[in-house]
Each structure stands twice: as structure tokens, then as C-alpha cells.
N, C-alpha and C. Protein backbone atom coordinates (compact mmCIF):
# COMPACT_ATOMS: atom_id res chain seq x y z
N MET A 1 -11.28 -20.94 4.13
CA MET A 1 -10.82 -20.51 5.48
C MET A 1 -11.09 -19.01 5.48
N LYS A 2 -11.47 -18.76 6.82
CA LYS A 2 -11.76 -17.21 7.02
C LYS A 2 -10.38 -16.56 7.30
N LYS A 3 -10.47 -15.23 7.02
CA LYS A 3 -9.18 -14.46 7.52
C LYS A 3 -9.40 -14.22 8.96
N PHE A 4 -8.16 -13.95 9.72
CA PHE A 4 -8.39 -13.83 11.11
C PHE A 4 -9.12 -12.68 11.45
N SER A 5 -9.14 -11.53 10.65
CA SER A 5 -9.86 -10.38 11.06
C SER A 5 -11.45 -10.53 10.75
N ASP A 6 -11.72 -11.62 10.15
CA ASP A 6 -13.20 -11.89 9.89
C ASP A 6 -13.89 -12.83 10.99
N LEU A 7 -12.99 -13.38 11.99
CA LEU A 7 -13.41 -14.19 12.96
C LEU A 7 -14.25 -13.53 14.03
N THR A 8 -15.26 -14.20 14.60
CA THR A 8 -16.08 -13.45 15.62
C THR A 8 -15.12 -13.65 16.96
N GLU A 9 -15.66 -12.92 17.98
CA GLU A 9 -14.88 -12.94 19.02
C GLU A 9 -14.80 -14.40 19.68
N ARG A 10 -15.85 -15.12 19.62
CA ARG A 10 -15.96 -16.57 20.01
C ARG A 10 -14.96 -17.40 19.37
N GLU A 11 -14.82 -17.27 17.96
CA GLU A 11 -13.94 -17.95 17.17
C GLU A 11 -12.46 -17.64 17.53
N VAL A 12 -12.18 -16.44 17.70
CA VAL A 12 -10.81 -15.92 18.15
C VAL A 12 -10.46 -16.70 19.50
N LEU A 13 -11.26 -16.73 20.42
CA LEU A 13 -11.19 -17.24 21.73
C LEU A 13 -10.94 -18.88 21.50
N ALA A 14 -11.72 -19.45 20.70
CA ALA A 14 -11.52 -20.86 20.28
C ALA A 14 -10.12 -21.15 19.77
N VAL A 15 -9.68 -20.30 19.01
CA VAL A 15 -8.28 -20.52 18.33
C VAL A 15 -7.29 -20.25 19.37
N ALA A 16 -7.51 -19.26 20.20
CA ALA A 16 -6.50 -19.08 21.27
C ALA A 16 -6.34 -20.22 22.32
N ILE A 17 -7.61 -20.94 22.61
CA ILE A 17 -7.58 -21.87 23.49
C ILE A 17 -6.90 -23.17 22.80
N ALA A 18 -7.25 -23.47 21.50
CA ALA A 18 -6.70 -24.58 20.93
C ALA A 18 -5.08 -24.37 20.88
N SER A 19 -4.73 -23.20 20.61
CA SER A 19 -3.33 -22.93 20.58
C SER A 19 -2.49 -23.23 21.96
N GLU A 20 -3.17 -22.89 23.10
CA GLU A 20 -2.62 -23.20 24.42
C GLU A 20 -2.58 -24.61 24.57
N GLU A 21 -3.69 -25.26 24.26
CA GLU A 21 -3.82 -26.80 24.46
C GLU A 21 -2.65 -27.42 23.58
N GLU A 22 -2.36 -27.04 22.48
CA GLU A 22 -1.36 -27.54 21.61
C GLU A 22 0.02 -27.40 22.14
N ASP A 23 0.35 -26.13 22.68
CA ASP A 23 1.51 -25.85 23.25
C ASP A 23 1.66 -26.71 24.48
N GLY A 24 0.68 -26.79 25.17
CA GLY A 24 0.86 -27.72 26.43
C GLY A 24 1.09 -29.16 26.11
N ARG A 25 0.41 -29.77 25.07
CA ARG A 25 0.80 -31.02 24.50
C ARG A 25 2.27 -31.20 24.03
N ILE A 26 2.84 -30.14 23.37
CA ILE A 26 4.17 -30.19 22.86
C ILE A 26 5.10 -30.27 24.02
N TYR A 27 4.90 -29.27 24.95
CA TYR A 27 5.84 -29.45 26.19
C TYR A 27 5.75 -30.64 26.88
N MET A 28 4.58 -31.28 27.01
CA MET A 28 4.43 -32.45 27.74
C MET A 28 5.09 -33.55 26.91
N SER A 29 5.05 -33.55 25.59
CA SER A 29 5.75 -34.57 24.76
C SER A 29 7.30 -34.42 24.98
N PHE A 30 7.67 -33.15 25.06
CA PHE A 30 9.16 -32.96 25.25
C PHE A 30 9.62 -33.56 26.61
N ALA A 31 8.79 -33.38 27.58
CA ALA A 31 9.00 -33.71 28.89
C ALA A 31 9.22 -35.35 28.88
N GLU A 32 8.26 -35.91 28.21
CA GLU A 32 8.13 -37.56 28.10
C GLU A 32 9.27 -38.09 27.35
N ASN A 33 9.88 -37.39 26.37
CA ASN A 33 11.05 -37.73 25.59
C ASN A 33 12.36 -37.46 26.27
N LEU A 34 12.47 -36.53 27.35
CA LEU A 34 13.54 -36.31 28.13
C LEU A 34 13.59 -36.99 29.32
N ALA A 35 12.53 -37.56 29.84
CA ALA A 35 12.48 -38.02 31.18
C ALA A 35 13.53 -38.91 31.57
N GLU A 36 13.96 -40.00 30.87
CA GLU A 36 14.89 -41.03 31.28
C GLU A 36 16.24 -40.47 31.19
N ARG A 37 16.69 -39.65 30.12
CA ARG A 37 18.08 -39.27 30.12
C ARG A 37 18.29 -37.92 30.80
N TYR A 38 17.15 -37.06 30.82
CA TYR A 38 17.41 -35.70 31.46
C TYR A 38 16.25 -35.38 32.36
N PRO A 39 16.19 -36.05 33.45
CA PRO A 39 15.02 -35.75 34.33
C PRO A 39 14.70 -34.46 34.81
N GLN A 40 15.82 -33.75 35.15
CA GLN A 40 15.63 -32.28 35.61
C GLN A 40 14.99 -31.34 34.49
N SER A 41 15.50 -31.54 33.25
CA SER A 41 14.98 -30.89 32.13
C SER A 41 13.60 -31.22 31.85
N ALA A 42 13.40 -32.58 31.93
CA ALA A 42 12.00 -33.15 31.76
C ALA A 42 10.99 -32.43 32.69
N ARG A 43 11.36 -32.25 34.01
CA ARG A 43 10.43 -31.71 34.99
C ARG A 43 10.29 -30.18 34.60
N ILE A 44 11.09 -29.53 34.11
CA ILE A 44 10.86 -28.24 33.65
C ILE A 44 9.90 -28.13 32.52
N PHE A 45 10.12 -28.90 31.45
CA PHE A 45 9.13 -29.01 30.38
C PHE A 45 7.78 -29.29 30.93
N GLU A 46 7.62 -30.30 31.80
CA GLU A 46 6.46 -30.92 32.24
C GLU A 46 5.57 -29.60 33.00
N GLN A 47 6.43 -28.85 33.85
CA GLN A 47 5.80 -27.67 34.55
C GLN A 47 5.31 -26.76 33.46
N VAL A 48 6.07 -26.31 32.45
CA VAL A 48 5.59 -25.46 31.52
C VAL A 48 4.36 -25.98 30.75
N GLY A 49 4.39 -27.30 30.50
CA GLY A 49 3.18 -27.98 29.87
C GLY A 49 1.91 -27.82 30.66
N ILE A 50 2.14 -28.11 31.95
CA ILE A 50 0.95 -27.89 32.81
C ILE A 50 0.51 -26.47 32.98
N GLY A 51 1.47 -25.74 32.97
CA GLY A 51 1.12 -24.25 33.04
C GLY A 51 0.26 -23.76 31.91
N GLU A 52 0.69 -24.23 30.62
CA GLU A 52 -0.08 -24.02 29.37
C GLU A 52 -1.43 -24.49 29.51
N ILE A 53 -1.54 -25.85 29.82
CA ILE A 53 -2.83 -26.34 29.88
C ILE A 53 -3.81 -25.72 30.97
N CYS A 54 -3.12 -25.40 32.19
CA CYS A 54 -3.92 -24.74 33.34
C CYS A 54 -4.41 -23.34 32.94
N GLN A 55 -3.61 -22.58 32.04
CA GLN A 55 -3.87 -21.20 31.84
C GLN A 55 -5.26 -21.19 31.09
N ILE A 56 -5.67 -22.17 30.34
CA ILE A 56 -6.89 -22.14 29.75
C ILE A 56 -8.23 -22.68 30.64
N GLY A 57 -7.73 -23.60 31.50
CA GLY A 57 -8.75 -24.16 32.58
C GLY A 57 -10.09 -24.00 32.25
N GLU A 58 -10.75 -23.10 33.01
CA GLU A 58 -12.22 -23.07 32.91
C GLU A 58 -12.73 -22.63 31.53
N ARG A 59 -11.84 -21.63 30.95
CA ARG A 59 -12.30 -21.05 29.65
C ARG A 59 -12.60 -22.16 28.68
N ALA A 60 -11.63 -23.19 28.62
CA ALA A 60 -11.82 -24.37 27.78
C ALA A 60 -13.05 -25.03 28.02
N ILE A 61 -13.47 -25.29 29.20
CA ILE A 61 -14.62 -26.06 29.61
C ILE A 61 -15.84 -25.20 29.21
N ASP A 62 -15.86 -23.80 29.35
CA ASP A 62 -16.87 -23.12 28.92
C ASP A 62 -17.18 -23.16 27.44
N ILE A 63 -16.13 -23.07 26.57
CA ILE A 63 -16.16 -23.21 25.16
C ILE A 63 -16.71 -24.59 24.78
N ARG A 64 -16.15 -25.63 25.35
CA ARG A 64 -16.52 -26.97 24.84
C ARG A 64 -18.11 -27.07 25.33
N GLY A 65 -18.30 -26.54 26.31
CA GLY A 65 -19.88 -26.80 26.82
C GLY A 65 -20.80 -25.97 25.88
N ALA A 66 -20.19 -25.11 25.01
CA ALA A 66 -21.04 -24.37 24.12
C ALA A 66 -20.94 -24.94 22.72
N GLY A 67 -20.39 -26.11 22.55
CA GLY A 67 -20.38 -26.87 21.34
C GLY A 67 -19.08 -26.82 20.53
N HIS A 68 -18.03 -26.26 21.18
CA HIS A 68 -16.66 -26.21 20.58
C HIS A 68 -16.15 -27.71 20.55
N VAL A 69 -15.71 -28.10 19.32
CA VAL A 69 -15.22 -29.43 19.19
C VAL A 69 -13.68 -29.32 19.15
N GLY A 70 -13.12 -29.75 20.14
CA GLY A 70 -11.59 -29.88 20.33
C GLY A 70 -10.95 -31.13 20.66
N ARG A 71 -9.76 -31.21 20.48
CA ARG A 71 -8.93 -32.42 20.85
C ARG A 71 -9.02 -32.61 22.45
N ARG A 72 -8.90 -33.80 22.82
CA ARG A 72 -8.83 -33.94 24.26
C ARG A 72 -7.49 -33.72 24.79
N THR A 73 -7.46 -32.92 25.97
CA THR A 73 -6.17 -32.67 26.55
C THR A 73 -5.99 -33.73 27.60
N GLN A 74 -4.59 -34.05 27.74
CA GLN A 74 -4.11 -34.89 28.74
C GLN A 74 -4.50 -34.53 30.09
N SER A 75 -5.08 -35.44 30.93
CA SER A 75 -5.59 -35.08 32.28
C SER A 75 -4.44 -34.61 33.12
N VAL A 76 -4.54 -33.40 33.61
CA VAL A 76 -3.41 -32.85 34.69
C VAL A 76 -4.26 -32.17 35.82
N THR A 77 -3.54 -31.99 36.93
CA THR A 77 -4.15 -31.29 38.02
C THR A 77 -3.56 -29.87 38.01
N CYS A 78 -4.39 -28.97 37.98
CA CYS A 78 -3.95 -27.60 37.95
C CYS A 78 -4.18 -27.04 39.40
N PRO A 79 -2.97 -26.75 39.96
CA PRO A 79 -2.95 -26.30 41.53
C PRO A 79 -3.92 -25.22 41.67
N ARG A 80 -3.85 -24.24 40.82
CA ARG A 80 -4.72 -23.07 41.19
C ARG A 80 -6.28 -23.40 41.01
N LEU A 81 -6.56 -24.26 40.12
CA LEU A 81 -7.95 -24.54 39.80
C LEU A 81 -8.41 -25.49 41.06
N ALA A 82 -7.49 -26.53 41.45
CA ALA A 82 -7.72 -27.36 42.54
C ALA A 82 -7.92 -26.64 43.77
N SER A 83 -7.21 -25.72 44.16
CA SER A 83 -7.38 -24.78 45.36
C SER A 83 -8.61 -24.07 45.52
N ALA A 84 -9.08 -23.63 44.27
CA ALA A 84 -10.17 -22.82 44.16
C ALA A 84 -11.49 -23.65 44.33
N ALA A 85 -11.28 -24.94 43.92
CA ALA A 85 -12.46 -25.90 44.15
C ALA A 85 -12.79 -26.20 45.70
N GLY A 86 -11.82 -25.99 46.49
CA GLY A 86 -11.86 -26.48 47.82
C GLY A 86 -11.77 -27.83 48.20
N PRO A 87 -11.88 -28.15 49.53
CA PRO A 87 -11.59 -29.55 49.88
C PRO A 87 -12.68 -30.51 49.43
């Protein structure tokens, strides 16, 4: 395993994107587990999860297009990306 200081810029970006994806999955999992008993709290966790996933948006697509092998992210609609795409 490489030391962080030995990673290329592309590798650092891939680590950062993978971390954001994982954070998003964790928040979405919390939301799912809380939904029935604590729906308001679940909505908060869901919004944070969507925010984490949407933060990486196009950057993740660019990296994957260049051969990055990552886990699949749950499909979500990112309001900012959706509005940028137009009607």
C-alpha cells in the first residue's frame, strides 16, 4: 500500500471521491434504518446523504470514465445537477 504522500493527484482525487460516496451510503443507510420510527430524523440523514453523493457528481463520472473502478452509488437525483442539465 502506498503512503498518502506518494499518491498521484489522480489517486488522491479517487480516494476523496470514494470517501464521499461511502459517506453518502452511510447516511442513506442511517435514514433507511430510522425511517419507520423517526421519519423526520430519517429525512435529515437522507438529505445529508444525497448532499454527499451529489457533491462528487460529475467528478465521479469523469474519474470512472477514465478507468476508475469503484462501487456503485445508489441512484439519486441531484437538484443542482438536474437543473444544470435543463429541461
